[in-house]
Amino acid sequence: MRRESAWQRARKFLFDSLQGRFVLAMLGGLALVQLTVNLVWYSQIEQRVRRQTELAAHHVTSGAMGAVRALRELPAAYRPLLIEQLRTMGGTRFQVFFNNAAVTVTPLPDQAMARMLEQRVTQELTTQLPPGTPVRVSLASPVGLAVSPSGALLSDLPESWVEPSLIAVERPAPFLVIQAETEPGTWLYLSSTLPDPYYLEQLEFFTWQRLTPQLIALGLAVLLTLIAVRAITRPLAGLSHAAALVGRRVAPKPLRVSGTQEVRQAIEAFNDMQERIRRYIGDRERLFASISHDLRTPITRLRLRSELLDDTAVQDEFHEDLDELDMMVKTALQIVKDTDIHENRAPLRIDLVLQKMVRDARMGGHTIELQNEPLTVVGKPLALKRALGNLLDNAMFYGDAAQAVEVSVGSDEAGLVLVTVRDRGPGVPDGALARLGQPYTRLEHGASLRKEGLGLGLSIVREIVADHGGTVRFRNHPSGGFEVRVALPAG
């Protein structure tokens, strides 16, 4: 038997068991609630960051325009002095440089709010600067940030020029870089942090620091659900185990009533049903015991009278029939208990068994054609005779009485013994073939011919053949009639 993989076992637990479905329902519900709460929370944070972006854009633009006006009002020769004064004495939060060309700046990647900030600052600067003034705005990381076309970096400047904590490798605060061509060939370079340098980090919402507490809460909820569901389903597991034992030789004890109200009601109903079944089986065993006891007396008388026969061959046939009848009587109780005849397996010549059955049927006026070869199977002799007898009886009773029943015994390449019984009757409707072999199944044609039948013949055949490791196949023969093929392992 092929072992199940870990995925198959997990899938079976989650989708086929009550515990797994409870876990999926709880896990799905909690995950949906947490996802909804997180999305609402993230939407509120995004709106707050958007407002902060608008305020930061206005504040930075105002400071930048103040620095631009102050620098533009001075002659070019005095501008470096003002920049040095602002750098050493304070007065502006920008790092100010003059370059002969625009500096290439790499903006922060995948930041929608950063692009919005750049767009707002650009719009406000464009409206306040002289028309046609080229403006470039970028929010970039200070690590590797260039401050001149020659490649000089912000990190190369003295610490007195730049706050070291703003360009720390562990947590560098982004710089807003504004470049404007104030005069032909002269670009003003302004760089500064935002009023709240780290406010964009609020958008990094789905991080492990935020998700870990939620995952822990989710895991604890699933664990508690497993414990609760296991306590609820434990009585159901005992109920299913006891139900599987009903009808077998083991008689389960009444179950202890526990669990929820619905489970207790189910257990009480099962215990009541089990008691009724036990009483019914006991009554049936006593009935069959009395019948078996009463039948032994006439069997014994028949055996004694058969001893008076002069023909030895006839006497042997009587003895064989009486032995089979005696075996049936002795195993009547076993049939009631196990729905099977208790026999030891032994080699059996199928061809000899069918020859005797065909001979007896011919003596009764039936026409049967037999084609066989000497083949042996190992099985329960009486059970196999019963199965083959049922097949012959069905063919003789339900086939065309004016035509012969065809019986053949052979073997195939796989080493199976094949027994085929075919009648010349009307066959079976195609839609009813799938129902053949099920207990108490009688078709309209058979019920019209025999009123006393119970529809158990083919089901008994199928059970006996399956017990011997064989198969039964039903079909309508292409040339007409109904055919049954039994395949048994060769002995």
Protein backbone atom coordinates (compact mmCIF):
# COMPACT_ATOMS: atom_id res chain seq x y z
CA MET A 1 0.00 0.00 0.00
CA ARG A 2 1.45 3.36 -1.01
CA ARG A 3 2.12 5.65 1.92
CA GLU A 4 0.55 9.10 1.93
CA SER A 5 2.86 12.07 1.60
CA ALA A 6 2.98 14.83 4.21
CA TRP A 7 1.03 17.14 1.86
CA GLN A 8 -1.69 14.51 1.35
CA ARG A 9 -2.01 13.97 5.11
CA ALA A 10 -2.18 17.72 5.75
CA ARG A 11 -4.75 18.17 2.99
CA LYS A 12 -6.83 15.30 4.35
CA PHE A 13 -6.71 16.80 7.85
CA LEU A 14 -7.64 20.31 6.71
CA PHE A 15 -10.42 19.48 4.24
CA ASP A 16 -11.79 16.09 5.35
CA SER A 17 -11.73 16.29 9.15
CA LEU A 18 -13.98 18.34 11.38
CA GLN A 19 -10.98 19.69 13.28
CA GLY A 20 -9.30 20.83 10.08
CA ARG A 21 -12.41 22.60 8.83
CA PHE A 22 -12.82 24.40 12.16
CA VAL A 23 -9.18 25.49 11.97
CA LEU A 24 -9.63 26.72 8.39
CA ALA A 25 -12.78 28.63 9.35
CA MET A 26 -11.10 30.22 12.38
CA LEU A 27 -7.88 30.94 10.50
CA GLY A 28 -9.73 32.39 7.53
CA GLY A 29 -12.01 34.51 9.72
CA LEU A 30 -9.20 35.94 11.84
CA ALA A 31 -7.00 36.54 8.82
CA LEU A 32 -9.84 38.37 7.08
CA VAL A 33 -10.51 40.52 10.16
CA GLN A 34 -6.83 41.36 10.60
CA LEU A 35 -6.41 42.13 6.92
CA THR A 36 -9.45 44.43 6.97
CA VAL A 37 -8.22 46.24 10.09
CA ASN A 38 -4.74 46.61 8.61
CA LEU A 39 -6.10 47.97 5.35
CA VAL A 40 -8.26 50.53 7.19
CA TRP A 41 -5.30 51.48 9.38
CA TYR A 42 -3.00 51.75 6.39
CA SER A 43 -5.55 53.92 4.57
CA GLN A 44 -5.64 56.31 7.54
CA ILE A 45 -1.83 56.41 7.73
CA GLU A 46 -1.64 57.08 4.00
CA GLN A 47 -4.05 60.01 4.33
CA ARG A 48 -1.98 61.43 7.23
CA VAL A 49 1.26 61.05 5.27
CA ARG A 50 -0.37 62.74 2.28
CA ARG A 51 -1.28 65.75 4.44
CA GLN A 52 2.24 65.81 5.90
CA THR A 53 3.64 65.70 2.37
CA GLU A 54 1.63 68.74 1.35
CA LEU A 55 2.72 70.67 4.47
CA ALA A 56 6.36 69.61 3.99
CA ALA A 57 6.29 70.70 0.35
CA HIS A 58 4.93 74.14 1.28
CA HIS A 59 7.42 74.56 4.17
CA VAL A 60 10.46 73.49 2.14
CA THR A 61 9.42 75.67 -0.82
CA SER A 62 9.08 78.72 1.41
CA GLY A 63 12.56 78.19 2.86
CA ALA A 64 14.06 77.54 -0.55
CA MET A 65 12.50 80.69 -2.04
CA GLY A 66 13.88 82.74 0.87
CA ALA A 67 17.38 81.44 0.22
CA VAL A 68 17.03 82.01 -3.54
CA ARG A 69 15.89 85.62 -3.09
CA ALA A 70 18.72 86.34 -0.65
CA LEU A 71 21.32 84.97 -3.03
CA ARG A 72 19.91 86.59 -6.14
CA GLU A 73 19.90 90.04 -4.53
CA LEU A 74 23.69 89.87 -3.96
CA PRO A 75 26.31 90.29 -6.68
CA ALA A 76 27.98 87.08 -7.71
CA ALA A 77 31.24 88.03 -5.97
CA TYR A 78 29.54 88.32 -2.56
CA ARG A 79 27.49 85.12 -2.75
CA PRO A 80 30.25 82.82 -1.44
CA LEU A 81 30.60 85.08 1.61
CA LEU A 82 26.88 84.81 2.33
CA ILE A 83 26.96 81.04 1.89
CA GLU A 84 29.92 80.79 4.31
CA GLN A 85 28.12 83.02 6.81
CA LEU A 86 24.96 80.99 6.60
CA ARG A 87 26.95 77.78 6.97
CA THR A 88 28.91 78.92 10.07
CA MET A 89 26.38 81.15 11.81
CA GLY A 90 23.10 79.53 10.79
CA GLY A 91 20.14 81.19 9.17
CA THR A 92 19.06 78.52 6.71
CA ARG A 93 18.58 74.75 6.88
CA PHE A 94 19.82 74.18 3.31
CA GLN A 95 23.24 73.13 2.09
CA VAL A 96 23.88 75.73 -0.63
CA PHE A 97 26.20 75.32 -3.59
CA PHE A 98 26.64 77.03 -6.96
CA ASN A 99 27.48 74.78 -9.92
CA ASN A 100 28.06 75.41 -13.61
CA ALA A 101 25.66 72.59 -14.56
CA ALA A 102 22.89 70.50 -13.07
CA VAL A 103 23.97 67.53 -10.93
CA THR A 104 22.54 64.09 -11.68
CA VAL A 105 20.60 62.84 -8.64
CA THR A 106 19.03 59.38 -8.28
CA PRO A 107 15.64 59.69 -6.55
CA LEU A 108 14.33 57.21 -3.98
CA PRO A 109 12.86 54.22 -5.81
CA ASP A 110 9.23 53.02 -5.50
CA GLN A 111 8.04 55.91 -3.34
CA ALA A 112 4.70 57.30 -4.53
CA MET A 113 4.65 59.94 -1.78
CA ALA A 114 8.20 61.00 -2.68
CA ARG A 115 7.10 61.60 -6.26
CA MET A 116 4.11 63.57 -4.95
CA LEU A 117 6.42 65.70 -2.78
CA GLU A 118 8.74 66.38 -5.71
CA GLN A 119 5.79 67.34 -7.91
CA ARG A 120 4.31 69.74 -5.32
CA VAL A 121 7.65 71.47 -4.66
CA THR A 122 8.28 71.78 -8.39
CA GLN A 123 4.84 73.30 -8.95
CA GLU A 124 5.23 75.90 -6.17
CA LEU A 125 8.76 76.85 -7.25
CA THR A 126 7.68 77.21 -10.87
CA THR A 127 4.91 79.62 -9.92
CA GLN A 128 7.27 81.80 -7.83
CA LEU A 129 10.41 81.78 -9.96
CA PRO A 130 10.69 83.76 -13.18
CA PRO A 131 8.89 82.08 -16.05
CA GLY A 132 10.99 79.56 -17.93
CA THR A 133 13.41 78.94 -15.06
CA PRO A 134 14.61 75.29 -15.24
CA VAL A 135 13.90 73.50 -11.95
CA ARG A 136 14.83 69.99 -10.83
CA VAL A 137 13.57 68.49 -7.55
CA SER A 138 14.52 65.04 -6.23
CA LEU A 139 14.12 63.26 -2.90
CA ALA A 140 17.21 61.08 -2.63
CA SER A 141 19.31 59.16 -0.15
CA PRO A 142 22.28 61.11 1.29
CA VAL A 143 24.48 58.04 0.84
CA GLY A 144 26.34 58.62 -2.42
CA LEU A 145 24.56 61.92 -3.04
CA ALA A 146 26.56 64.18 -5.42
CA VAL A 147 26.71 67.92 -4.74
CA SER A 148 28.63 69.04 -7.86
CA PRO A 149 29.03 67.92 -11.47
CA SER A 150 32.62 66.94 -10.70
CA GLY A 151 31.39 64.10 -8.50
CA ALA A 152 31.94 65.55 -5.03
CA LEU A 153 29.71 63.74 -2.51
CA LEU A 154 27.74 65.10 0.40
CA SER A 155 29.43 62.58 2.66
CA ASP A 156 32.86 64.04 1.75
CA LEU A 157 32.02 67.44 3.25
CA PRO A 158 33.25 68.38 6.76
CA GLU A 159 31.05 67.42 9.69
CA SER A 160 30.51 71.08 10.45
CA TRP A 161 28.75 71.42 7.11
CA VAL A 162 26.43 68.41 7.46
CA GLU A 163 24.85 66.84 10.52
CA PRO A 164 26.51 63.34 10.68
CA SER A 165 23.35 61.63 11.96
CA LEU A 166 21.53 62.61 8.77
CA ILE A 167 23.82 60.50 6.61
CA ALA A 168 24.34 57.57 9.03
CA VAL A 169 24.56 54.26 7.21
CA GLU A 170 22.18 52.52 9.66
CA ARG A 171 19.35 54.93 9.09
CA PRO A 172 20.09 57.71 6.60
CA ALA A 173 17.44 60.40 6.40
CA PRO A 174 16.47 61.31 2.81
CA PHE A 175 17.54 64.69 1.42
CA LEU A 176 15.41 66.92 -0.77
CA VAL A 177 17.60 68.32 -3.54
CA ILE A 178 16.42 71.46 -5.38
CA GLN A 179 18.32 72.69 -8.41
CA ALA A 180 17.38 75.87 -10.30
CA GLU A 181 19.22 77.71 -13.06
CA THR A 182 19.19 81.23 -11.61
CA GLU A 183 21.39 82.64 -14.38
CA PRO A 184 22.60 81.16 -17.67
CA GLY A 185 25.32 78.65 -16.80
CA THR A 186 24.76 79.03 -13.03
CA TRP A 187 22.80 76.42 -11.14
CA LEU A 188 21.81 76.90 -7.53
CA TYR A 189 22.03 73.59 -5.60
CA LEU A 190 19.97 73.37 -2.38
CA SER A 191 19.82 70.20 -0.29
CA SER A 192 18.10 69.69 3.03
CA THR A 193 16.23 67.16 5.11
CA LEU A 194 12.47 67.44 5.53
CA PRO A 195 10.90 68.91 8.68
CA ASP A 196 10.17 65.33 9.78
CA PRO A 197 12.97 63.38 8.08
CA TYR A 198 11.47 59.94 8.70
CA TYR A 199 7.76 60.53 8.18
CA LEU A 200 7.71 58.45 4.96
CA GLU A 201 8.67 55.38 7.00
CA GLN A 202 5.09 55.30 8.27
CA LEU A 203 4.15 53.85 4.88
CA GLU A 204 6.39 50.83 5.53
CA PHE A 205 3.44 49.30 7.27
CA PHE A 206 3.68 45.57 6.53
CA THR A 207 6.98 44.92 8.27
CA TRP A 208 7.97 42.03 10.53
CA GLN A 209 7.89 44.32 13.55
CA ARG A 210 4.22 45.06 12.89
CA LEU A 211 3.17 41.64 11.61
CA THR A 212 4.86 39.46 14.26
CA PRO A 213 2.38 40.29 17.09
CA GLN A 214 -0.52 39.64 14.74
CA LEU A 215 0.93 36.31 13.61
CA ILE A 216 1.49 35.30 17.24
CA ALA A 217 -2.13 36.18 18.08
CA LEU A 218 -3.30 34.21 15.02
CA GLY A 219 -1.22 31.17 16.02
CA LEU A 220 -2.55 31.25 19.59
CA ALA A 221 -6.12 31.46 18.29
CA VAL A 222 -5.56 28.44 16.01
CA LEU A 223 -3.99 26.47 18.89
CA LEU A 224 -6.90 27.22 21.20
CA THR A 225 -9.31 26.30 18.41
CA LEU A 226 -7.55 22.94 17.95
CA ILE A 227 -7.76 22.22 21.66
CA ALA A 228 -11.45 23.16 21.84
CA VAL A 229 -12.42 21.25 18.68
CA ARG A 230 -10.47 18.20 19.81
CA ALA A 231 -12.41 18.18 23.08
CA ILE A 232 -15.67 18.46 21.12
CA THR A 233 -14.86 15.77 18.53
CA ARG A 234 -13.32 13.19 20.89
CA PRO A 235 -16.76 11.65 21.68
CA LEU A 236 -17.49 11.57 17.93
CA ALA A 237 -14.29 9.58 17.32
CA GLY A 238 -15.45 6.99 19.87
CA LEU A 239 -18.87 6.93 18.22
CA SER A 240 -17.43 6.29 14.76
CA HIS A 241 -15.16 3.53 16.10
CA ALA A 242 -18.08 1.83 17.81
CA ALA A 243 -20.22 2.17 14.67
CA ALA A 244 -17.46 0.47 12.64
CA LEU A 245 -17.61 -2.53 15.02
CA VAL A 246 -21.36 -2.98 14.63
CA GLY A 247 -22.08 -6.03 12.51
CA ARG A 248 -18.71 -7.65 13.22
CA ARG A 249 -17.91 -10.35 15.70
CA VAL A 250 -16.82 -7.81 18.29
CA ALA A 251 -19.74 -6.50 20.32
CA PRO A 252 -18.81 -2.99 21.52
CA LYS A 253 -19.85 -1.89 24.96
CA PRO A 254 -22.32 0.98 25.32
CA LEU A 255 -20.57 4.31 24.87
CA ARG A 256 -20.13 6.74 27.72
CA VAL A 257 -22.45 9.68 27.19
CA SER A 258 -20.39 12.89 27.11
CA GLY A 259 -19.81 16.00 25.05
CA THR A 260 -22.20 18.70 23.92
CA GLN A 261 -25.96 18.28 23.91
CA GLU A 262 -26.07 17.25 20.23
CA VAL A 263 -23.25 14.73 20.68
CA ARG A 264 -24.89 13.27 23.80
CA GLN A 265 -28.15 12.80 21.90
CA ALA A 266 -26.30 11.03 19.06
CA ILE A 267 -24.49 8.71 21.51
CA GLU A 268 -27.72 7.86 23.33
CA ALA A 269 -29.45 7.07 20.02
CA PHE A 270 -26.49 4.90 18.97
CA ASN A 271 -26.51 2.96 22.24
CA ASP A 272 -30.24 2.35 21.86
CA MET A 273 -29.81 1.20 18.24
CA GLN A 274 -26.93 -1.09 19.23
CA GLU A 275 -29.05 -2.74 21.90
CA ARG A 276 -31.90 -3.36 19.45
CA ILE A 277 -29.47 -4.90 16.93
CA ARG A 278 -28.01 -7.14 19.65
CA ARG A 279 -31.45 -8.41 20.63
CA TYR A 280 -32.37 -8.99 16.98
CA ILE A 281 -29.20 -10.99 16.27
CA GLY A 282 -29.71 -13.03 19.42
CA ASP A 283 -33.27 -13.91 18.40
CA ARG A 284 -32.10 -14.88 14.92
CA GLU A 285 -29.31 -17.08 16.28
CA ARG A 286 -31.75 -18.92 18.52
CA LEU A 287 -34.13 -19.41 15.57
CA PHE A 288 -31.42 -20.87 13.34
CA ALA A 289 -30.10 -23.01 16.18
CA SER A 290 -33.49 -24.60 16.60
CA ILE A 291 -33.86 -25.13 12.83
CA SER A 292 -30.39 -26.68 12.64
CA HIS A 293 -31.18 -29.01 15.49
CA ASP A 294 -34.48 -30.11 13.91
CA LEU A 295 -32.89 -30.78 10.50
CA ARG A 296 -30.24 -33.14 11.80
CA THR A 297 -32.76 -35.86 12.57
CA PRO A 298 -34.14 -36.29 9.00
CA ILE A 299 -30.60 -36.04 7.60
CA THR A 300 -29.51 -38.89 9.82
CA ARG A 301 -32.53 -40.98 8.68
CA LEU A 302 -31.73 -40.30 5.02
CA ARG A 303 -28.11 -41.33 5.56
CA LEU A 304 -29.21 -44.62 7.11
CA ARG A 305 -31.67 -45.32 4.29
CA SER A 306 -29.00 -44.57 1.66
CA GLU A 307 -26.98 -47.43 3.11
CA LEU A 308 -29.73 -49.79 1.93
CA LEU A 309 -29.21 -48.85 -1.74
CA ASP A 310 -27.70 -51.59 -3.90
CA ASP A 311 -26.15 -49.28 -6.54
CA THR A 312 -22.80 -48.10 -5.18
CA ALA A 313 -22.57 -45.13 -7.57
CA VAL A 314 -26.02 -43.86 -6.56
CA GLN A 315 -25.14 -44.45 -2.92
CA ASP A 316 -21.98 -42.33 -3.27
CA GLU A 317 -23.95 -39.48 -4.85
CA PHE A 318 -26.47 -39.61 -1.99
CA HIS A 319 -23.64 -39.50 0.52
CA GLU A 320 -22.05 -36.52 -1.20
CA ASP A 321 -25.32 -34.58 -1.25
CA LEU A 322 -26.00 -35.45 2.39
CA ASP A 323 -22.51 -34.34 3.37
CA GLU A 324 -23.12 -30.96 1.73
CA LEU A 325 -26.49 -30.64 3.41
CA ASP A 326 -24.96 -31.59 6.74
CA MET A 327 -22.26 -28.95 6.26
CA MET A 328 -24.94 -26.34 5.62
CA VAL A 329 -26.83 -27.34 8.74
CA LYS A 330 -23.73 -27.31 10.90
CA THR A 331 -22.73 -23.87 9.64
CA ALA A 332 -26.18 -22.28 9.79
CA LEU A 333 -25.31 -20.37 12.93
CA GLN A 334 -21.99 -19.31 11.44
CA ILE A 335 -23.81 -18.00 8.38
CA VAL A 336 -26.06 -15.90 10.60
CA LYS A 337 -23.13 -14.50 12.56
CA ASP A 338 -20.56 -13.95 9.83
CA THR A 339 -22.64 -13.95 6.59
CA ASP A 340 -20.05 -16.47 5.35
CA ILE A 341 -19.62 -20.25 5.52
CA HIS A 342 -16.73 -21.27 7.74
CA GLU A 343 -14.58 -23.61 5.65
CA ASN A 344 -10.96 -24.46 5.30
CA ARG A 345 -9.43 -23.69 1.92
CA ALA A 346 -8.45 -26.66 -0.21
CA PRO A 347 -7.61 -27.46 -3.86
CA LEU A 348 -10.75 -27.82 -5.98
CA ARG A 349 -11.10 -29.09 -9.56
CA ILE A 350 -13.49 -26.57 -11.08
CA ASP A 351 -14.06 -28.72 -14.16
CA LEU A 352 -15.23 -31.72 -12.08
CA VAL A 353 -17.57 -29.55 -10.03
CA LEU A 354 -19.17 -28.13 -13.18
CA GLN A 355 -19.45 -31.58 -14.78
CA LYS A 356 -21.51 -32.82 -11.82
CA MET A 357 -23.70 -29.69 -11.83
CA VAL A 358 -24.30 -29.96 -15.57
CA ARG A 359 -25.13 -33.65 -15.24
CA ASP A 360 -27.69 -32.95 -12.51
CA ALA A 361 -29.21 -30.11 -14.57
CA ARG A 362 -29.52 -32.33 -17.62
CA MET A 363 -31.28 -34.92 -15.50
CA GLY A 364 -33.77 -32.16 -14.67
CA GLY A 365 -34.48 -31.57 -18.39
CA HIS A 366 -32.25 -28.55 -19.04
CA THR A 367 -30.01 -28.21 -22.07
CA ILE A 368 -26.46 -27.19 -21.21
CA GLU A 369 -23.32 -27.17 -23.35
CA LEU A 370 -20.06 -27.56 -21.41
CA GLN A 371 -16.55 -26.84 -22.63
CA ASN A 372 -13.90 -27.30 -20.00
CA GLU A 373 -10.35 -28.30 -19.28
CA PRO A 374 -8.81 -29.68 -16.06
CA LEU A 375 -8.11 -26.62 -13.89
CA THR A 376 -7.66 -26.28 -10.13
CA VAL A 377 -8.26 -23.43 -7.75
CA VAL A 378 -7.62 -23.17 -4.01
CA GLY A 379 -10.64 -22.00 -2.06
CA LYS A 380 -13.64 -22.95 0.01
CA PRO A 381 -15.27 -25.86 -1.83
CA LEU A 382 -18.81 -25.43 -0.56
CA ALA A 383 -18.78 -21.65 -1.08
CA LEU A 384 -17.48 -21.98 -4.66
CA LYS A 385 -20.08 -24.66 -5.43
CA ARG A 386 -22.73 -22.34 -4.10
CA ALA A 387 -21.54 -19.46 -6.31
CA LEU A 388 -21.32 -21.60 -9.47
CA GLY A 389 -24.71 -23.15 -8.70
CA ASN A 390 -26.28 -19.68 -8.47
CA LEU A 391 -24.87 -18.76 -11.89
CA LEU A 392 -26.24 -21.94 -13.50
CA ASP A 393 -29.63 -21.48 -11.82
CA ASN A 394 -29.90 -17.90 -13.09
CA ALA A 395 -29.00 -18.94 -16.63
CA MET A 396 -31.52 -21.82 -16.64
CA PHE A 397 -34.37 -19.89 -15.00
CA TYR A 398 -34.04 -16.53 -16.77
CA GLY A 399 -32.65 -17.57 -20.16
CA ASP A 400 -34.49 -18.99 -23.16
CA ALA A 401 -35.56 -22.53 -22.15
CA ALA A 402 -35.65 -23.61 -25.79
CA GLN A 403 -31.94 -22.91 -26.26
CA ALA A 404 -28.90 -24.29 -24.51
CA VAL A 405 -26.97 -22.60 -21.74
CA GLU A 406 -23.29 -22.34 -22.62
CA VAL A 407 -20.72 -23.04 -19.87
CA SER A 408 -16.96 -22.91 -20.44
CA VAL A 409 -13.88 -23.25 -18.25
CA GLY A 410 -10.47 -21.99 -19.37
CA SER A 411 -7.46 -19.91 -18.39
CA ASP A 412 -5.80 -16.73 -19.59
CA GLU A 413 -2.22 -15.52 -19.92
CA ALA A 414 -2.27 -14.04 -16.41
CA GLY A 415 -2.85 -17.48 -14.88
CA LEU A 416 -6.50 -16.86 -13.97
CA VAL A 417 -9.15 -19.55 -14.19
CA LEU A 418 -12.08 -18.21 -16.24
CA VAL A 419 -15.60 -19.60 -15.83
CA THR A 420 -18.11 -18.23 -18.34
CA VAL A 421 -21.86 -18.84 -18.18
CA ARG A 422 -24.01 -17.54 -21.02
CA ASP A 423 -27.74 -17.86 -21.59
CA ARG A 424 -29.82 -17.09 -24.70
CA GLY A 425 -32.39 -14.93 -22.97
CA PRO A 426 -33.36 -11.29 -23.61
CA GLY A 427 -30.34 -9.95 -21.71
CA VAL A 428 -30.29 -7.06 -19.26
CA PRO A 429 -31.05 -3.39 -19.97
CA ASP A 430 -27.79 -1.46 -20.26
CA GLY A 431 -28.84 0.95 -17.53
CA ALA A 432 -29.32 -1.94 -15.08
CA LEU A 433 -25.90 -3.58 -15.55
CA ALA A 434 -24.31 -1.37 -12.89
CA ARG A 435 -26.91 -2.50 -10.32
CA LEU A 436 -26.38 -6.22 -10.82
CA GLY A 437 -24.64 -7.90 -7.93
CA GLN A 438 -26.18 -5.59 -5.34
CA PRO A 439 -28.32 -7.25 -2.65
CA TYR A 440 -32.07 -7.46 -3.26
CA THR A 441 -31.79 -6.34 -6.87
CA ARG A 442 -34.44 -7.89 -9.11
CA LEU A 443 -35.14 -6.85 -12.68
CA GLU A 444 -38.58 -6.77 -14.23
CA HIS A 445 -37.87 -9.75 -16.50
CA GLY A 446 -36.70 -11.95 -13.62
CA ALA A 447 -39.53 -10.94 -11.30
CA SER A 448 -42.09 -11.89 -13.94
CA LEU A 449 -40.61 -15.38 -14.30
CA ARG A 450 -39.98 -16.20 -10.61
CA LYS A 451 -42.09 -14.67 -7.90
CA GLU A 452 -40.23 -16.33 -5.01
CA GLY A 453 -36.78 -14.84 -5.71
CA LEU A 454 -35.14 -12.33 -3.37
CA GLY A 455 -32.47 -10.85 -5.66
CA LEU A 456 -29.57 -12.25 -3.62
CA GLY A 457 -28.08 -14.78 -6.05
CA LEU A 458 -25.64 -12.54 -7.91
CA SER A 459 -24.70 -10.62 -4.76
CA ILE A 460 -23.73 -13.91 -3.10
CA VAL A 461 -21.67 -14.81 -6.18
CA ARG A 462 -19.85 -11.49 -6.08
CA GLU A 463 -19.08 -11.75 -2.34
CA ILE A 464 -17.76 -15.32 -2.60
CA VAL A 465 -15.61 -14.58 -5.65
CA ALA A 466 -14.22 -11.41 -4.03
CA ASP A 467 -13.36 -13.44 -0.90
CA HIS A 468 -11.27 -15.73 -3.16
CA GLY A 469 -9.43 -12.78 -4.75
CA GLY A 470 -11.37 -12.97 -8.02
CA THR A 471 -13.61 -10.73 -10.08
CA VAL A 472 -17.06 -10.98 -11.68
CA ARG A 473 -18.03 -9.29 -14.94
CA PHE A 474 -21.56 -8.93 -16.28
CA ARG A 475 -22.36 -8.05 -19.88
CA ASN A 476 -24.86 -8.50 -22.69
CA HIS A 477 -23.30 -10.80 -25.28
CA PRO A 478 -22.91 -9.19 -28.74
CA SER A 479 -24.71 -12.19 -30.30
CA GLY A 480 -27.57 -12.05 -27.81
CA GLY A 481 -28.16 -13.26 -24.30
CA PHE A 482 -26.56 -12.47 -20.97
CA GLU A 483 -23.03 -13.52 -19.97
CA VAL A 484 -21.28 -13.74 -16.61
CA ARG A 485 -17.50 -14.26 -16.45
CA VAL A 486 -15.80 -15.24 -13.20
CA ALA A 487 -12.00 -14.93 -12.92
CA LEU A 488 -10.30 -16.83 -10.06
CA PRO A 489 -6.61 -17.20 -9.19
CA ALA A 490 -5.32 -20.62 -10.28
CA GLY A 491 -4.26 -23.04 -7.54
